[in-house]
Protein backbone atom coordinates (compact mmCIF):
# COMPACT_ATOMS: atom_id res chain seq x y z
CA MET A 1 83.25 46.19 121.05
CA PRO A 2 86.46 47.98 120.05
CA SER A 3 87.35 51.06 121.97
CA LEU A 4 86.39 54.42 120.49
CA PRO A 5 88.83 57.27 120.36
CA SER A 6 88.90 59.93 123.07
CA ILE A 7 87.01 63.06 122.34
CA ARG A 8 89.10 65.37 124.57
CA GLY A 9 91.00 66.56 121.47
CA ARG A 10 87.85 68.27 120.19
CA GLY A 11 88.06 71.10 122.67
CA ALA A 12 86.68 69.74 125.95
CA GLN A 13 89.57 71.21 127.85
CA GLN A 14 88.96 74.63 126.25
CA ARG A 15 85.39 74.82 127.58
CA PRO A 16 84.79 77.94 129.73
CA THR A 17 84.27 77.15 133.37
CA PRO A 18 80.69 78.61 133.56
CA HIS A 19 79.39 75.94 131.23
CA ILE A 20 80.61 72.95 133.25
CA SER A 21 77.70 72.70 135.64
CA VAL A 22 74.89 73.77 133.41
CA PRO A 23 71.87 71.57 134.16
CA LEU A 24 69.51 70.13 131.57
CA SER A 25 67.37 73.04 130.21
CA HIS A 26 64.14 73.12 128.38
CA TYR A 27 65.95 73.10 125.03
CA VAL A 28 67.92 69.94 126.06
CA VAL A 29 65.38 67.20 125.78
CA ASP A 30 67.69 64.47 126.91
CA CYS A 31 71.47 63.81 127.39
CA ALA A 32 72.65 60.21 127.85
CA VAL A 33 75.73 58.08 127.77
CA TYR A 34 75.56 54.65 126.14
CA VAL A 35 78.26 52.03 126.91
CA ASP A 36 77.98 48.44 125.32
CA GLY A 37 74.53 49.51 124.02
CA LYS A 38 73.20 50.22 127.52
CA ARG A 39 72.35 53.61 128.96
CA LEU A 40 74.33 54.66 132.03
CA PRO A 41 72.02 55.70 134.92
CA GLY A 42 71.73 59.31 136.14
CA ARG A 43 71.34 62.72 134.60
CA TRP A 44 74.17 64.09 132.59
CA THR A 45 75.27 67.53 131.35
CA HIS A 46 77.07 67.44 128.04
CA THR A 47 80.45 68.18 129.71
CA ASP A 48 79.99 65.39 132.21
CA ALA A 49 78.97 63.06 129.51
CA VAL A 50 82.10 63.87 127.48
CA LYS A 51 84.26 63.23 130.48
CA GLU A 52 82.59 59.85 131.17
CA VAL A 53 83.07 58.60 127.61
CA SER A 54 86.69 59.86 127.58
CA LYS A 55 87.42 58.17 130.81
CA ARG A 56 85.93 54.83 129.70
CA LYS A 57 87.37 55.15 126.18
CA ASP A 58 84.21 53.47 125.06
CA GLY A 59 80.53 54.25 124.33
CA PHE A 60 78.97 57.42 122.94
CA VAL A 61 76.89 60.45 123.91
CA TRP A 62 73.47 61.17 122.59
CA ILE A 63 72.20 64.69 123.17
CA GLY A 64 68.64 65.76 122.03
CA LEU A 65 67.87 69.39 121.57
CA HIS A 66 64.69 71.19 120.73
CA GLU A 67 64.81 74.54 118.91
CA PRO A 68 67.86 75.89 120.61
CA ASP A 69 69.18 79.48 119.91
CA ALA A 70 72.73 80.41 119.09
CA GLU A 71 73.47 81.09 122.72
CA GLN A 72 72.08 77.88 124.07
CA ILE A 73 73.95 75.63 121.55
CA GLU A 74 77.20 77.50 121.91
CA GLY A 75 78.63 75.45 124.74
CA ILE A 76 77.69 72.06 123.15
CA ALA A 77 79.21 73.22 119.80
CA GLU A 78 82.53 74.13 121.52
CA THR A 79 82.66 70.85 123.49
CA PHE A 80 82.04 68.63 120.41
CA GLY A 81 83.90 70.78 117.83
CA LEU A 82 80.90 71.43 115.66
CA HIS A 83 81.49 73.55 112.61
CA GLU A 84 80.01 76.97 112.83
CA LEU A 85 78.16 76.81 109.50
CA ALA A 86 76.43 73.62 110.52
CA VAL A 87 75.63 75.08 113.90
CA GLU A 88 74.05 78.15 112.18
CA ASP A 89 71.98 75.86 109.98
CA ALA A 90 70.81 73.91 113.01
CA VAL A 91 69.71 77.03 114.83
CA HIS A 92 67.99 78.86 112.05
CA ALA A 93 66.41 75.75 110.46
CA HIS A 94 64.44 75.95 107.13
CA GLN A 95 67.01 73.87 105.38
CA ARG A 96 66.64 71.37 102.54
CA PRO A 97 67.57 67.77 103.33
CA LYS A 98 71.29 67.44 102.91
CA LEU A 99 74.42 65.72 104.08
CA GLU A 100 77.64 67.58 104.77
CA ARG A 101 81.01 66.53 106.20
CA TYR A 102 83.13 68.77 108.34
CA ASP A 103 86.44 67.15 109.31
CA ASN A 104 85.43 64.15 111.44
CA THR A 105 81.79 65.21 111.88
CA LEU A 106 78.75 64.54 109.67
CA PHE A 107 75.82 67.00 109.57
CA MET A 108 72.62 65.78 108.07
CA VAL A 109 69.21 67.42 107.70
CA PHE A 110 65.91 65.60 107.62
CA LYS A 111 62.53 67.21 106.78
CA THR A 112 59.87 65.68 108.89
CA VAL A 113 56.16 65.61 107.86
CA ARG A 114 52.90 64.97 109.69
CA TYR A 115 49.47 64.38 108.20
CA VAL A 116 46.93 66.95 109.54
CA THR A 117 43.57 65.28 109.99
CA ASN A 118 40.61 67.17 108.59
CA GLU A 119 36.85 66.48 108.51
CA SER A 120 36.85 66.53 104.80
CA PRO A 121 39.48 67.03 102.13
CA ASP A 122 37.14 69.59 100.50
CA THR A 123 37.30 71.86 103.58
CA ALA A 124 40.98 71.29 104.49
CA ASN A 125 43.29 74.29 104.79
CA GLU A 126 46.38 72.16 105.50
CA ILE A 127 47.27 68.58 104.85
CA VAL A 128 50.94 68.31 105.58
CA GLU A 129 52.74 69.86 108.50
CA SER A 130 56.53 69.96 108.17
CA GLY A 131 59.45 70.20 110.69
CA GLU A 132 63.10 69.41 110.68
CA ILE A 133 65.63 67.14 112.42
CA MET A 134 69.32 67.94 112.25
CA VAL A 135 71.88 65.37 113.18
CA PHE A 136 75.52 65.86 114.06
CA LEU A 137 77.37 62.58 114.01
CA GLY A 138 80.85 61.89 115.33
CA LYS A 139 82.71 58.72 116.25
CA ASP A 140 81.46 58.79 119.81
CA PHE A 141 78.59 61.30 119.81
CA VAL A 142 75.35 62.06 118.10
CA ILE A 143 73.47 65.33 118.59
CA THR A 144 69.95 65.80 117.29
CA VAL A 145 68.32 69.21 116.95
CA ARG A 146 64.57 69.23 116.33
CA HIS A 147 62.39 71.99 114.96
CA GLY A 148 58.62 71.47 115.16
CA ASN A 149 56.40 69.81 117.66
CA HIS A 150 55.60 66.61 115.78
CA SER A 151 59.10 65.29 115.25
CA GLY A 152 59.75 63.96 118.83
CA LEU A 153 62.44 61.27 119.18
CA SER A 154 61.59 60.08 122.73
CA LYS A 155 59.73 56.98 121.55
CA LEU A 156 62.64 56.17 119.13
CA ARG A 157 65.15 56.55 121.96
CA HIS A 158 63.11 54.10 124.18
CA VAL A 159 62.95 51.64 121.31
CA LEU A 160 66.67 51.72 120.77
CA GLU A 161 67.36 51.44 124.47
CA ALA A 162 65.33 48.32 124.46
CA ASP A 163 67.69 46.90 121.81
CA PRO A 164 71.20 47.10 123.25
CA GLU A 165 72.71 45.09 120.33
CA ARG A 166 71.71 47.79 118.01
CA LEU A 167 72.96 50.71 120.05
CA GLU A 168 76.21 48.82 120.59
CA ILE A 169 77.02 49.54 116.95
CA GLY A 170 77.42 53.22 117.87
CA PRO A 171 76.08 56.63 116.81
CA SER A 172 75.53 55.55 113.25
CA ALA A 173 72.79 53.17 114.46
CA VAL A 174 71.00 56.27 115.88
CA MET A 175 71.25 58.11 112.59
CA HIS A 176 69.89 55.13 110.78
CA ALA A 177 66.94 54.81 113.16
CA ILE A 178 66.11 58.47 112.72
CA ALA A 179 66.28 58.14 108.91
CA ASP A 180 64.13 55.01 109.04
CA GLN A 181 61.52 56.79 111.28
CA VAL A 182 61.41 59.82 109.01
CA VAL A 183 60.86 57.73 105.86
CA ASP A 184 58.25 55.60 107.56
CA ASN A 185 56.37 58.84 108.37
CA TYR A 186 56.59 59.82 104.69
CA LEU A 187 54.99 56.42 103.84
CA GLU A 188 52.23 57.03 106.42
CA VAL A 189 51.45 60.58 105.16
CA THR A 190 51.37 59.38 101.49
CA ASP A 191 48.87 56.67 102.56
CA HIS A 192 46.51 59.31 104.02
CA ILE A 193 46.98 61.73 101.04
CA GLU A 194 46.26 58.80 98.62
CA ASP A 195 42.90 58.22 100.40
CA ASP A 196 42.08 61.89 100.21
CA ILE A 197 42.93 62.16 96.52
CA ASP A 198 40.86 59.01 95.77
CA ARG A 199 37.84 60.55 97.46
CA MET A 200 38.40 63.77 95.59
CA GLU A 201 38.77 61.92 92.23
CA GLU A 202 35.46 60.25 92.79
CA ARG A 203 33.75 63.64 93.42
CA VAL A 204 35.38 65.18 90.36
CA PHE A 205 34.19 62.47 88.00
CA ALA A 206 30.75 61.89 89.65
CA PRO A 207 27.84 63.58 87.75
CA ARG A 208 26.18 66.71 89.26
CA THR A 209 28.88 67.26 91.88
CA GLU A 210 30.71 70.44 92.55
CA VAL A 211 34.46 70.32 93.35
CA SER A 212 36.38 73.57 93.76
CA ALA A 213 39.55 73.93 91.62
CA GLU A 214 41.03 75.94 94.41
CA GLN A 215 40.82 72.87 96.74
CA ILE A 216 42.72 70.80 94.23
CA TYR A 217 45.40 73.48 93.94
CA MET A 218 45.61 73.44 97.71
CA PHE A 219 46.32 69.71 97.53
CA LYS A 220 48.96 70.25 94.90
CA ARG A 221 50.58 72.84 97.19
CA GLU A 222 50.71 70.29 100.00
CA VAL A 223 52.10 67.59 97.68
CA VAL A 224 54.75 70.05 96.60
CA GLU A 225 55.61 70.60 100.28
CA LEU A 226 55.95 66.79 100.70
CA ARG A 227 58.05 66.55 97.59
CA ARG A 228 60.50 69.14 98.88
CA ALA A 229 61.00 66.93 101.95
CA VAL A 230 61.28 63.64 100.07
CA MET A 231 63.17 64.26 96.83
CA PRO A 232 66.38 65.94 98.14
CA LEU A 233 66.87 63.19 100.74
CA ALA A 234 67.57 60.56 98.13
CA ASN A 235 71.11 61.67 97.39
CA PRO A 236 72.25 61.87 101.01
CA LEU A 237 70.90 58.40 101.80
CA ARG A 238 72.52 56.97 98.73
CA ARG A 239 75.87 58.47 99.71
CA LEU A 240 75.64 56.99 103.20
CA ALA A 241 74.71 53.55 101.78
CA GLU A 242 77.65 53.65 99.35
CA GLY A 243 80.36 54.29 101.92
CA TYR A 244 80.62 58.09 101.87
CA THR A 245 82.31 58.17 105.27
CA PRO A 246 83.93 55.66 107.65
CA LEU A 247 81.64 56.98 110.38
CA ILE A 248 78.93 54.70 108.88
CA PRO A 249 80.28 51.08 109.16
CA GLU A 250 79.52 48.44 106.58
CA GLN A 251 76.84 46.75 108.74
CA VAL A 252 74.87 49.91 108.91
CA ARG A 253 75.19 50.79 105.26
CA ALA A 254 72.95 47.87 104.31
CA PHE A 255 70.21 49.35 106.50
CA PHE A 256 70.62 52.71 104.83
CA ARG A 257 70.11 50.95 101.45
CA ASP A 258 66.83 49.64 102.69
CA VAL A 259 65.76 53.04 103.78
CA ASP A 260 66.77 54.36 100.38
CA ASP A 261 64.54 51.74 98.76
CA HIS A 262 61.53 52.94 100.91
CA LEU A 263 62.31 56.55 99.99
CA THR A 264 62.23 55.62 96.35
CA GLU A 265 58.75 54.12 96.83
CA VAL A 266 57.65 57.38 98.51
CA SER A 267 59.16 59.45 95.68
CA GLU A 268 57.29 57.48 93.03
CA ARG A 269 54.02 57.92 94.87
CA VAL A 270 54.48 61.60 95.36
CA THR A 271 55.22 62.03 91.59
CA ALA A 272 52.06 60.02 90.82
CA PHE A 273 50.04 62.26 93.15
CA ASP A 274 51.32 65.42 91.39
CA GLU A 275 50.41 64.02 87.97
CA LEU A 276 47.01 62.86 89.18
CA LEU A 277 46.16 66.21 90.73
CA THR A 278 47.17 67.91 87.51
CA THR A 279 44.67 65.61 85.70
CA LEU A 280 42.01 66.39 88.26
CA VAL A 281 42.57 70.16 87.73
CA ASP A 282 42.23 69.69 84.02
CA ALA A 283 39.12 67.63 84.52
CA THR A 284 37.61 70.13 86.95
CA LEU A 285 38.23 73.03 84.63
CA ALA A 286 36.71 71.03 81.75
CA LYS A 287 33.71 70.29 83.96
CA ILE A 288 33.34 73.89 84.92
CA THR A 289 33.56 74.95 81.24
CA LEU A 290 30.89 72.29 80.29
CA GLN A 291 28.61 73.53 83.09
CA GLN A 292 29.07 77.14 81.91
CA ASN A 293 28.18 76.09 78.36
CA THR A 294 25.11 74.33 79.66
CA ASP A 295 24.06 77.32 81.67
CA MET A 296 24.59 79.61 78.67
CA ARG A 297 22.38 77.38 76.48
CA LYS A 298 19.62 77.44 79.09
CA ILE A 299 19.79 81.20 79.31
CA THR A 300 19.86 81.60 75.56
CA SER A 301 16.81 79.18 75.30
CA TRP A 302 14.74 81.14 77.82
CA VAL A 303 15.66 84.39 76.11
CA ALA A 304 14.42 82.93 72.83
CA ILE A 305 11.15 81.90 74.37
CA ILE A 306 10.65 85.27 76.09
CA SER A 307 11.46 87.12 72.93
CA VAL A 308 8.27 85.88 71.12
CA PRO A 309 5.72 87.58 73.46
CA THR A 310 8.13 90.52 73.75
CA MET A 311 8.11 91.01 70.03
CA VAL A 312 4.28 90.70 69.75
CA VAL A 313 3.64 92.98 72.65
CA GLY A 314 6.20 95.45 71.20
CA VAL A 315 4.38 95.50 67.85
CA TYR A 316 0.89 96.01 69.30
CA GLY A 317 2.34 98.58 71.73
CA MET A 318 2.89 101.04 68.88
CA ASN A 319 0.47 104.03 68.68
CA PHE A 320 -1.00 103.64 65.21
CA ASP A 321 -4.73 104.07 64.35
CA TYR A 322 -4.77 101.53 61.56
CA MET A 323 -3.50 98.13 62.76
CA PRO A 324 -4.69 94.61 61.97
CA GLU A 325 -7.52 93.22 64.21
CA LEU A 326 -7.23 96.29 66.48
CA LYS A 327 -10.99 96.65 66.74
CA TRP A 328 -11.91 92.96 66.51
CA LYS A 329 -13.64 91.46 69.59
CA PHE A 330 -11.56 88.18 69.49
CA GLY A 331 -8.27 89.87 68.52
CA TYR A 332 -6.71 89.76 72.01
CA PRO A 333 -7.59 86.18 72.74
CA LEU A 334 -6.33 85.15 69.30
CA ILE A 335 -2.94 86.93 69.73
CA MET A 336 -2.46 85.58 73.29
CA SER A 337 -3.21 82.00 71.95
CA LEU A 338 -0.81 82.39 69.10
CA VAL A 339 1.94 83.59 71.47
CA LEU A 340 1.37 80.78 73.82
CA ILE A 341 1.39 78.18 71.04
CA ALA A 342 4.62 79.77 69.69
CA CYS A 343 6.24 79.70 73.07
CA LEU A 344 5.30 76.06 73.72
CA THR A 345 6.52 74.98 70.34
CA LEU A 346 9.78 76.68 70.87
CA TYR A 347 10.12 75.15 74.28
CA ARG A 348 9.54 71.61 72.87
CA ILE A 349 12.11 72.14 70.15
CA LEU A 350 14.71 73.35 72.62
CA ARG A 351 13.82 70.58 75.06
CA ARG A 352 14.24 67.94 72.40
CA ASN A 353 17.64 69.38 71.48
CA ARG A 354 18.67 69.28 75.24
CA TRP A 355 19.11 72.94 75.53
CA LEU A 356 16.61 72.89 78.36
C-alpha cells in the first residue's frame, strides 16, 4: 500500500499543550489507528493517533464522536484542520444530506432513519425516527459525528475490522461503508412502511370499516420525513461516484455507484408511498362523505315517518267544537290504525329505495 502523506502540516504542532493528554471521553466513542487494514492495539487520544500515523507515514485515524459540543470538538478540529463552518454544522446538526469540500477535506452529512415499531398503524404516533451522521474525510483520517441514539457505528466498525483488505483502501472505504449502511436502513424502513400502508389500504377499501383521515395524514408526515432524508442524498452520492474528489479512489467509486442505485430504488418507493397515501386520503374522504350522505338519508327517512303521526296528532290537538269523527266511538282506533298503516307504508317505500 503506498505511503500516505504526513498530517503534521494540518496544525498538529500548533495544538495547545492542555489537549495533548486528554483521555477518551463520553462524547468520543472510539479512536483507532489502522495500518495495512489492521487496528493497532491500545487506547489512543486523537493527538497520539496523529503522531503515530505521522511517524509511520502510513495508515489512517478513525475517530467516532457522539453529539459533541463546540468546546469538546475544538481540539480535534484544530488537530485535523477542520473548517469552522463544517464543525459548526457537525455540532448543531439538523442539516440536510449534503457533500462539501474544504481544501483537502470532505464533509458529508447523512440522515439516518429507524422504524418505530407500533402495535397497530392505526394507533401509531411516530413511524420514522431520524438522526444524523456527519463524516469528515481526509487522506489519512476519517471523523464521524453522530446525532441520535439509533445510528451507532460500533457494529460497522467491527465488520470493517474483520475485513482488513477493505480497510487497507483507506478512509474512503469507511465513508462508503457508512453510506451503504445508511441506505440499507432506508430499504429496511421502507419495507416496514410498505407493510403498514398495505394494511391501511385494506382497511380503507374494506366495507363497514372506519379509518381516520388523521392517521393517514400522520403517515404522510412520516413519509415526508423519510423523503427529506432520502432525496437530497442522491446528488452527493452521484458526485462521489463520478470522481468529484481524488480522496475517493476509482476502486471505491464503483461501490458508491452501487449505493446510488439502491438509493434510487428507495426514492422510487418513497414517491410511490406518497402517491398511494394521497389516494387513500381521497378514498377516505369519499368514504366519509358517502357515510354522511347515508346517515342523512336515514335521518330524513325517520323524520318523514315521524311527521305522519305528528301531523295527525297536531290536527286533532286543535280546540274546535266541530271536527270530523270527534264524538264517534270508533274514531280513535280508526285514526290510530290509519296512522300506523301510513307509517308502515312509508317505511316499506323508503326501505325498498335503500334509504333505510
